[in-house]
Amino acid sequence: MVEQRKELADNPAMAALAPEIAKLSLAERIQLVEDLWDSIAQDSPEAASLDQAQVDELDRRLRQHDADPSSAVPWEQVRAELFQSKS
């Protein structure tokens, strides 16, 4: 396992969770991160806001997709392949 960050070691509750989190499969850890991010976005919408460079990049990608929609891969397919190959 990667060495724990100092901040994690300084927080007893988080330090206690670290060994249990390390036991999770990659797919389970990805799901945990998704769940944590969703809870952050729900509790503090401003924490999940985008800066102008991010907005510009998303706009660029949307224009690229609009120009060639057939190049897109559905999220469900990407996620299924990721979880299948890494679990």
Protein backbone atom coordinates (compact mmCIF):
# COMPACT_ATOMS: atom_id res chain seq x y z
CA MET A 1 0.00 0.00 0.00
CA VAL A 2 1.15 3.54 -0.66
CA GLU A 3 2.53 5.33 2.37
CA GLN A 4 -0.17 7.26 4.20
CA ARG A 5 -0.19 11.01 3.90
CA LYS A 6 0.65 12.92 7.07
CA GLU A 7 -2.84 14.45 7.16
CA LEU A 8 -4.38 10.98 7.18
CA ALA A 9 -2.12 9.79 9.99
CA ASP A 10 -3.02 12.90 12.03
CA ASN A 11 -6.74 12.10 11.85
CA PRO A 12 -7.50 9.06 14.03
CA ALA A 13 -10.85 8.32 12.39
CA MET A 14 -9.35 8.37 8.90
CA ALA A 15 -6.27 6.45 9.99
CA ALA A 16 -8.53 3.73 11.40
CA LEU A 17 -10.34 3.45 8.06
CA ALA A 18 -7.21 3.27 5.92
CA PRO A 19 -6.47 -0.46 6.47
CA GLU A 20 -10.09 -1.35 5.68
CA ILE A 21 -10.09 0.78 2.55
CA ALA A 22 -6.86 -0.89 1.43
CA LYS A 23 -8.65 -4.26 1.53
CA LEU A 24 -11.21 -3.12 -1.05
CA SER A 25 -10.85 -4.10 -4.67
CA LEU A 26 -10.04 -1.39 -7.18
CA ALA A 27 -13.64 -1.36 -8.33
CA GLU A 28 -14.86 -0.94 -4.75
CA ARG A 29 -12.40 1.89 -4.09
CA ILE A 30 -13.50 3.66 -7.28
CA GLN A 31 -17.11 3.32 -6.15
CA LEU A 32 -16.15 4.70 -2.72
CA VAL A 33 -14.50 7.72 -4.32
CA GLU A 34 -17.57 8.30 -6.50
CA ASP A 35 -19.82 8.10 -3.45
CA LEU A 36 -17.59 10.47 -1.48
CA TRP A 37 -17.47 12.97 -4.34
CA ASP A 38 -21.26 12.84 -4.69
CA SER A 39 -21.64 13.55 -0.97
CA ILE A 40 -19.23 16.50 -1.20
CA ALA A 41 -21.08 17.92 -4.20
CA GLN A 42 -24.39 17.52 -2.38
CA ASP A 43 -23.16 19.08 0.88
CA SER A 44 -21.10 21.87 -0.69
CA PRO A 45 -22.08 22.59 -4.30
CA GLU A 46 -19.46 25.35 -4.49
CA ALA A 47 -16.74 22.75 -3.86
CA ALA A 48 -17.74 21.02 -7.07
CA SER A 49 -17.93 24.15 -9.17
CA LEU A 50 -15.78 24.53 -12.28
CA ASP A 51 -13.29 27.25 -13.06
CA GLN A 52 -13.30 28.95 -16.47
CA ALA A 53 -10.58 26.70 -17.93
CA GLN A 54 -12.65 23.64 -17.01
CA VAL A 55 -15.79 25.15 -18.54
CA ASP A 56 -13.83 25.95 -21.70
CA GLU A 57 -12.50 22.39 -21.90
CA LEU A 58 -15.96 20.91 -21.48
CA ASP A 59 -17.28 23.24 -24.17
CA ARG A 60 -14.45 22.14 -26.49
CA ARG A 61 -15.22 18.48 -25.87
CA LEU A 62 -18.94 19.05 -26.44
CA ARG A 63 -18.20 20.76 -29.77
CA GLN A 64 -15.95 17.83 -30.69
CA HIS A 65 -18.70 15.37 -29.80
CA ASP A 66 -21.31 17.37 -31.74
CA ALA A 67 -19.02 17.21 -34.78
CA ASP A 68 -18.65 13.40 -34.50
CA PRO A 69 -21.11 11.75 -32.10
CA SER A 70 -20.10 8.28 -33.29
CA SER A 71 -16.72 8.64 -31.56
CA ALA A 72 -18.33 8.61 -28.12
CA VAL A 73 -18.34 5.58 -25.82
CA PRO A 74 -21.26 5.39 -23.39
CA TRP A 75 -20.27 5.85 -19.74
CA GLU A 76 -21.96 2.59 -18.81
CA GLN A 77 -19.66 0.73 -21.22
CA VAL A 78 -16.51 2.49 -20.00
CA ARG A 79 -17.42 1.89 -16.37
CA ALA A 80 -18.29 -1.76 -16.95
CA GLU A 81 -15.01 -2.38 -18.76
CA LEU A 82 -13.03 -0.60 -16.05
CA PHE A 83 -14.67 -2.55 -13.24
CA GLN A 84 -14.42 -5.84 -15.12
CA SER A 85 -10.71 -5.56 -15.89
CA LYS A 86 -9.60 -4.19 -12.52
CA SER A 87 -11.63 -6.09 -9.95
